[in-house]
Amino acid sequence: MSAAVSSDTKRLEKEAKKMERKRKNSAQEPLSKKDKTFNIIIFIILLCGALIMVFPLLYMVATSFMTKNQILSGHFTVLPDPILIGKYSEVLSKGNFITGIFNTLKVEIPVLLIGGFTSSLAAFAFAKMEFRGKGGFFLALLATIMIPFAVVMIPQYVLFTKMRWTNSLLPLIIPGCFGNVGMIFFLRQNLFGIPKDLMEAAKLDGCTYFGCYWRIFLPLMKGALGTQLMLWFMGIWNDYLAPAIFLRNERTWTLQVVIRSFNSYYAIQSDYALIMAASVIAMLPTLILFFLFQRVIVESVAISGIK
């Protein structure tokens, strides 16, 4: 089994090196004047679009350092004068803000660990195993993506209320532990790029289906799985609608619900700098994760489309 895995790994590495050499050779070819002009125009258009999209983010950060008089002065500016950093310490001194962070982490950790495992296991079953009705089951599972949350949130609320879960984090944790349909689809596409001969060789050596998944395919798809877990982390961290519906008790509020309460309370006092400071702090983990792993995310998405 190890020899078969090693030979297939070497073959994949050779193909990757060959593709890399072709890419470098094509990149070294001189561009014509028409191509250069076209690239410059495209670059300017993309730069303008990027500035338009990033400006609200920059203005939010700048507002968090402004005084109340500067924000309400009526003169548009993005340069704080003077620069105040006290709002960040004020936000962190609020007990419900720190509690919101910990409540969000209480949802993140079990959902990502258990849900990531069940999603990868389901993806392996749909990609490498043969059983009756596999195509129909997968299409039915994939069809659930087209059902918006607004359609099922009221039935879910009634169900969780009857189960007496609405005063806890269980409505956010338990459904996520059964997996994520988008992750299952992505990992299934990624597994199609891995030769099925590896599993056949492992089965000849007496390896079970779960053994094939755990020893062979899970290590090979760890890059795609890590990418999906990071994206899922961002989704849970920024989720507002579901926590706002299911969480009645203030002690169980997640971070985004706490920021909502800041918005409703401090907006009356026109303390917009504090609201912006809370939003900046809440945004930092997802922003840092994206910038650290954006190359891995892009590469994983590109590889998943190659069969």
Protein backbone atom coordinates (compact mmCIF):
# COMPACT_ATOMS: atom_id res chain seq x y z
CA MET A 1 0.00 0.00 0.00
CA SER A 2 2.78 2.43 0.92
CA ALA A 3 4.57 1.70 -2.37
CA ALA A 4 1.42 2.47 -4.37
CA VAL A 5 0.87 5.71 -2.47
CA SER A 6 4.50 6.69 -2.98
CA SER A 7 4.41 6.02 -6.75
CA ASP A 8 1.18 7.97 -7.23
CA THR A 9 2.53 10.85 -5.15
CA LYS A 10 5.70 10.99 -7.29
CA ARG A 11 3.60 10.95 -10.47
CA LEU A 12 1.47 13.84 -9.22
CA GLU A 13 4.58 15.79 -8.23
CA LYS A 14 6.07 15.31 -11.73
CA GLU A 15 2.85 16.53 -13.36
CA ALA A 16 2.79 19.57 -11.08
CA LYS A 17 6.43 20.42 -11.93
CA LYS A 18 5.69 20.03 -15.66
CA MET A 19 2.73 22.41 -15.40
CA GLU A 20 4.85 24.88 -13.45
CA ARG A 21 7.55 24.84 -16.16
CA LYS A 22 4.93 25.49 -18.84
CA ARG A 23 3.55 28.39 -16.82
CA LYS A 24 7.00 29.94 -16.41
CA ASN A 25 7.79 29.55 -20.12
CA SER A 26 4.52 31.22 -21.08
CA ALA A 27 5.17 34.01 -18.58
CA GLN A 28 8.60 34.70 -20.10
CA GLU A 29 7.16 35.30 -23.58
CA PRO A 30 7.16 39.06 -24.42
CA LEU A 31 3.75 40.72 -24.52
CA SER A 32 2.64 42.73 -27.52
CA LYS A 33 1.82 46.44 -27.23
CA LYS A 34 -1.88 45.67 -27.55
CA ASP A 35 -1.72 43.14 -24.70
CA LYS A 36 0.18 45.59 -22.49
CA THR A 37 -2.41 48.31 -23.08
CA PHE A 38 -5.24 45.88 -22.34
CA ASN A 39 -3.55 44.74 -19.11
CA ILE A 40 -3.07 48.34 -17.96
CA ILE A 41 -6.75 49.14 -18.58
CA ILE A 42 -7.87 46.04 -16.70
CA PHE A 43 -5.51 46.89 -13.83
CA ILE A 44 -6.91 50.45 -13.55
CA ILE A 45 -10.50 49.16 -13.55
CA LEU A 46 -9.73 46.56 -10.87
CA LEU A 47 -7.85 49.14 -8.79
CA CYS A 48 -10.81 51.52 -8.88
CA GLY A 49 -13.15 48.71 -7.91
CA ALA A 50 -10.86 47.67 -5.05
CA LEU A 51 -10.70 51.23 -3.71
CA ILE A 52 -14.49 51.56 -3.83
CA MET A 53 -14.90 48.30 -1.89
CA VAL A 54 -12.16 49.00 0.66
CA PHE A 55 -13.15 52.63 1.38
CA PRO A 56 -16.05 51.80 3.80
CA LEU A 57 -13.66 49.58 5.75
CA LEU A 58 -11.06 52.33 5.97
CA TYR A 59 -13.70 54.88 6.98
CA MET A 60 -14.94 52.55 9.74
CA VAL A 61 -11.42 52.25 11.16
CA ALA A 62 -10.88 56.02 10.93
CA THR A 63 -14.22 56.75 12.63
CA SER A 64 -13.25 54.59 15.60
CA PHE A 65 -10.47 57.09 16.39
CA MET A 66 -12.59 60.25 16.00
CA THR A 67 -14.29 62.38 18.61
CA LYS A 68 -18.07 62.69 18.75
CA ASN A 69 -17.90 66.32 17.60
CA GLN A 70 -15.79 65.44 14.56
CA ILE A 71 -18.19 62.66 13.53
CA LEU A 72 -21.25 64.91 13.87
CA SER A 73 -19.63 68.07 12.49
CA GLY A 74 -21.07 67.57 9.01
CA HIS A 75 -17.65 67.92 7.34
CA PHE A 76 -16.63 64.69 5.64
CA THR A 77 -13.12 63.59 6.56
CA VAL A 78 -11.21 60.34 6.99
CA LEU A 79 -8.38 61.81 9.10
CA PRO A 80 -9.09 61.77 12.86
CA ASP A 81 -8.15 65.04 14.57
CA PRO A 82 -7.18 64.38 17.31
CA ILE A 83 -6.57 60.62 17.27
CA LEU A 84 -8.27 58.91 20.21
CA ILE A 85 -7.68 55.28 21.17
CA GLY A 86 -9.75 55.24 24.34
CA LYS A 87 -12.79 53.70 22.67
CA TYR A 88 -10.97 50.39 22.18
CA SER A 89 -10.18 50.02 25.87
CA GLU A 90 -13.75 51.09 26.66
CA VAL A 91 -15.14 48.36 24.40
CA LEU A 92 -12.93 45.69 25.96
CA SER A 93 -13.98 46.81 29.44
CA LYS A 94 -17.59 45.96 28.62
CA GLY A 95 -18.25 42.55 30.16
CA ASN A 96 -20.84 41.50 27.59
CA PHE A 97 -18.37 42.09 24.73
CA ILE A 98 -15.82 39.64 26.15
CA THR A 99 -18.64 37.21 26.96
CA GLY A 100 -19.81 37.46 23.34
CA ILE A 101 -16.34 36.49 22.11
CA PHE A 102 -16.23 33.44 24.38
CA ASN A 103 -19.77 32.39 23.42
CA THR A 104 -18.82 32.59 19.75
CA LEU A 105 -15.75 30.43 20.40
CA LYS A 106 -17.96 27.93 22.24
CA VAL A 107 -19.91 27.57 19.00
CA GLU A 108 -16.86 27.61 16.72
CA ILE A 109 -14.79 24.87 18.35
CA PRO A 110 -17.26 21.93 18.44
CA VAL A 111 -18.83 22.83 15.10
CA LEU A 112 -15.51 23.04 13.29
CA LEU A 113 -14.07 19.89 14.87
CA ILE A 114 -17.11 17.61 14.67
CA GLY A 115 -18.69 19.22 11.61
CA GLY A 116 -15.39 19.18 9.72
CA PHE A 117 -15.00 15.47 10.46
CA THR A 118 -18.54 14.53 9.41
CA SER A 119 -18.33 16.70 6.27
CA SER A 120 -15.04 15.17 5.13
CA LEU A 121 -16.35 11.67 5.87
CA ALA A 122 -19.50 12.32 3.80
CA ALA A 123 -17.41 13.77 0.97
CA PHE A 124 -15.25 10.63 0.96
CA ALA A 125 -18.35 8.42 0.80
CA PHE A 126 -19.86 10.35 -2.12
CA ALA A 127 -16.56 10.53 -4.02
CA LYS A 128 -14.94 7.11 -3.51
CA MET A 129 -17.56 4.64 -2.32
CA GLU A 130 -20.18 2.89 -4.43
CA PHE A 131 -23.67 2.30 -3.03
CA ARG A 132 -27.20 2.26 -4.37
CA GLY A 133 -28.77 5.68 -4.81
CA LYS A 134 -25.54 7.60 -4.31
CA GLY A 135 -26.30 10.10 -7.07
CA GLY A 136 -29.85 10.68 -5.85
CA PHE A 137 -28.77 11.17 -2.25
CA PHE A 138 -26.09 13.65 -3.29
CA LEU A 139 -28.48 15.64 -5.49
CA ALA A 140 -31.03 15.77 -2.67
CA LEU A 141 -28.33 16.96 -0.28
CA LEU A 142 -27.10 19.54 -2.78
CA ALA A 143 -30.63 20.81 -3.35
CA THR A 144 -30.83 21.94 0.27
CA ILE A 145 -28.35 24.72 -0.56
CA MET A 146 -31.09 26.41 -2.60
CA ILE A 147 -33.39 26.62 0.46
CA PRO A 148 -32.79 30.02 2.11
CA PHE A 149 -32.54 30.23 5.88
CA ALA A 150 -35.52 32.60 5.96
CA VAL A 151 -37.75 29.71 4.87
CA VAL A 152 -36.75 27.34 7.68
CA MET A 153 -35.96 29.74 10.53
CA ILE A 154 -39.52 29.82 11.89
CA PRO A 155 -39.97 26.00 11.88
CA GLN A 156 -36.53 25.67 13.46
CA TYR A 157 -37.41 28.24 16.10
CA VAL A 158 -40.61 26.39 16.98
CA LEU A 159 -38.75 23.07 17.12
CA PHE A 160 -35.92 24.39 19.31
CA THR A 161 -38.41 26.14 21.58
CA LYS A 162 -40.29 22.88 22.16
CA MET A 163 -36.96 21.20 22.86
CA ARG A 164 -36.11 24.03 25.31
CA TRP A 165 -32.86 24.84 23.54
CA THR A 166 -33.50 28.56 22.94
CA ASN A 167 -31.86 29.59 26.23
CA SER A 168 -28.58 27.91 25.25
CA LEU A 169 -26.07 27.69 22.40
CA LEU A 170 -27.34 24.26 21.32
CA PRO A 171 -29.38 25.55 18.32
CA LEU A 172 -26.14 26.89 16.85
CA ILE A 173 -23.93 23.92 17.75
CA ILE A 174 -25.92 20.72 17.16
CA PRO A 175 -27.02 21.32 13.51
CA GLY A 176 -23.50 22.35 12.54
CA CYS A 177 -22.03 19.15 13.95
CA PHE A 178 -23.86 17.16 11.25
CA GLY A 179 -21.78 18.83 8.55
CA ASN A 180 -21.89 21.61 5.98
CA VAL A 181 -23.34 20.93 2.52
CA GLY A 182 -21.04 23.43 0.82
CA MET A 183 -18.00 21.82 2.42
CA ILE A 184 -19.16 18.33 1.40
CA PHE A 185 -19.52 19.44 -2.22
CA PHE A 186 -16.12 21.19 -2.25
CA LEU A 187 -14.27 18.26 -0.67
CA ARG A 188 -16.03 15.79 -2.98
CA GLN A 189 -14.75 17.73 -5.99
CA ASN A 190 -11.28 17.79 -4.46
CA LEU A 191 -11.31 14.02 -3.90
CA PHE A 192 -12.14 13.41 -7.56
CA GLY A 193 -8.61 14.61 -8.34
CA ILE A 194 -7.12 11.82 -6.22
CA PRO A 195 -6.79 8.45 -8.02
CA LYS A 196 -9.23 5.80 -6.83
CA ASP A 197 -6.47 3.21 -7.33
CA LEU A 198 -5.12 4.21 -3.94
CA MET A 199 -8.23 2.88 -2.22
CA GLU A 200 -8.24 -0.28 -4.32
CA ALA A 201 -4.64 -0.98 -3.34
CA ALA A 202 -5.43 -0.32 0.33
CA LYS A 203 -8.45 -2.65 0.23
CA LEU A 204 -6.29 -5.42 -1.23
CA ASP A 205 -4.04 -5.01 1.81
CA GLY A 206 -7.05 -5.49 4.09
CA CYS A 207 -7.76 -1.85 4.88
CA THR A 208 -11.39 -0.95 5.71
CA TYR A 209 -13.27 1.97 4.14
CA PHE A 210 -12.76 4.06 7.26
CA GLY A 211 -9.10 3.09 7.28
CA CYS A 212 -8.78 4.28 3.67
CA TYR A 213 -10.41 7.56 4.63
CA TRP A 214 -8.35 8.09 7.77
CA ARG A 215 -4.94 6.91 6.57
CA ILE A 216 -4.93 7.89 2.90
CA PHE A 217 -7.54 10.38 1.75
CA LEU A 218 -7.82 12.60 4.83
CA PRO A 219 -4.08 13.51 4.75
CA LEU A 220 -4.29 14.13 0.99
CA MET A 221 -7.21 16.54 1.29
CA LYS A 222 -5.99 18.36 4.41
CA GLY A 223 -5.26 21.52 2.38
CA ALA A 224 -8.80 21.72 1.01
CA LEU A 225 -10.26 20.78 4.39
CA GLY A 226 -8.23 23.48 6.14
CA THR A 227 -9.41 26.05 3.61
CA GLN A 228 -13.05 25.13 4.14
CA LEU A 229 -12.65 25.20 7.92
CA MET A 230 -11.22 28.73 7.71
CA LEU A 231 -14.11 29.89 5.55
CA TRP A 232 -16.58 28.20 7.89
CA PHE A 233 -14.89 29.89 10.85
CA MET A 234 -15.48 33.27 9.18
CA GLY A 235 -19.11 32.38 8.51
CA ILE A 236 -19.82 31.39 12.12
CA TRP A 237 -17.87 34.35 13.52
CA ASN A 238 -19.88 36.82 11.42
CA ASP A 239 -23.25 35.07 11.77
CA TYR A 240 -25.93 37.38 13.11
CA LEU A 241 -29.37 36.23 11.98
CA ALA A 242 -29.47 32.77 13.58
CA PRO A 243 -28.07 33.86 16.98
CA ALA A 244 -30.43 36.85 17.03
CA ILE A 245 -33.40 34.49 16.53
CA PHE A 246 -32.47 31.56 18.76
CA LEU A 247 -30.66 33.21 21.68
CA ARG A 248 -33.04 34.79 24.16
CA ASN A 249 -30.75 34.98 27.16
CA GLU A 250 -28.27 37.88 27.17
CA ARG A 251 -25.63 35.63 28.74
CA THR A 252 -25.63 33.42 25.62
CA TRP A 253 -25.36 36.22 23.05
CA THR A 254 -22.64 35.76 20.48
CA LEU A 255 -20.35 38.57 19.35
CA GLN A 256 -22.46 39.91 16.49
CA VAL A 257 -25.58 40.07 18.68
CA VAL A 258 -23.60 41.99 21.31
CA ILE A 259 -22.49 44.48 18.63
CA ARG A 260 -26.16 44.81 17.61
CA SER A 261 -27.01 45.73 21.20
CA PHE A 262 -24.18 48.29 21.16
CA ASN A 263 -25.64 49.75 17.99
CA SER A 264 -29.13 50.10 19.45
CA TYR A 265 -27.92 51.52 22.80
CA TYR A 266 -24.95 53.75 21.94
CA ALA A 267 -26.41 55.08 18.67
CA ILE A 268 -28.97 56.96 20.78
CA GLN A 269 -26.06 58.63 22.55
CA SER A 270 -24.36 59.30 19.18
CA ASP A 271 -21.32 57.34 20.39
CA TYR A 272 -20.53 56.02 16.92
CA ALA A 273 -16.81 55.78 17.64
CA LEU A 274 -17.45 53.05 20.24
CA ILE A 275 -19.66 51.11 17.82
CA MET A 276 -16.99 51.32 15.12
CA ALA A 277 -14.27 50.26 17.56
CA ALA A 278 -16.30 47.19 18.52
CA SER A 279 -16.80 46.37 14.82
CA VAL A 280 -13.07 46.72 14.10
CA ILE A 281 -12.14 44.37 16.96
CA ALA A 282 -14.75 41.83 15.79
CA MET A 283 -13.41 42.04 12.24
CA LEU A 284 -9.73 41.48 13.10
CA PRO A 285 -9.72 37.64 13.47
CA THR A 286 -11.37 37.00 10.11
CA LEU A 287 -9.25 39.66 8.40
CA ILE A 288 -6.02 38.21 9.78
CA LEU A 289 -7.02 34.67 8.79
CA PHE A 290 -7.83 35.75 5.25
CA PHE A 291 -4.56 37.61 4.70
CA LEU A 292 -2.51 34.76 6.19
CA PHE A 293 -4.15 32.01 4.16
CA GLN A 294 -5.50 33.76 1.05
CA ARG A 295 -2.95 32.00 -1.18
CA VAL A 296 -3.93 28.61 0.23
CA ILE A 297 -7.62 29.42 -0.26
CA VAL A 298 -7.16 30.47 -3.90
CA GLU A 299 -4.95 27.46 -4.72
CA SER A 300 -7.35 25.05 -3.05
CA VAL A 301 -10.31 26.43 -4.99
CA ALA A 302 -8.36 26.20 -8.26
CA ILE A 303 -7.20 22.64 -7.61
CA SER A 304 -10.71 21.46 -6.71
CA GLY A 305 -11.86 22.18 -10.26
CA ILE A 306 -9.21 19.93 -11.85
CA LYS A 307 -10.17 16.28 -12.36
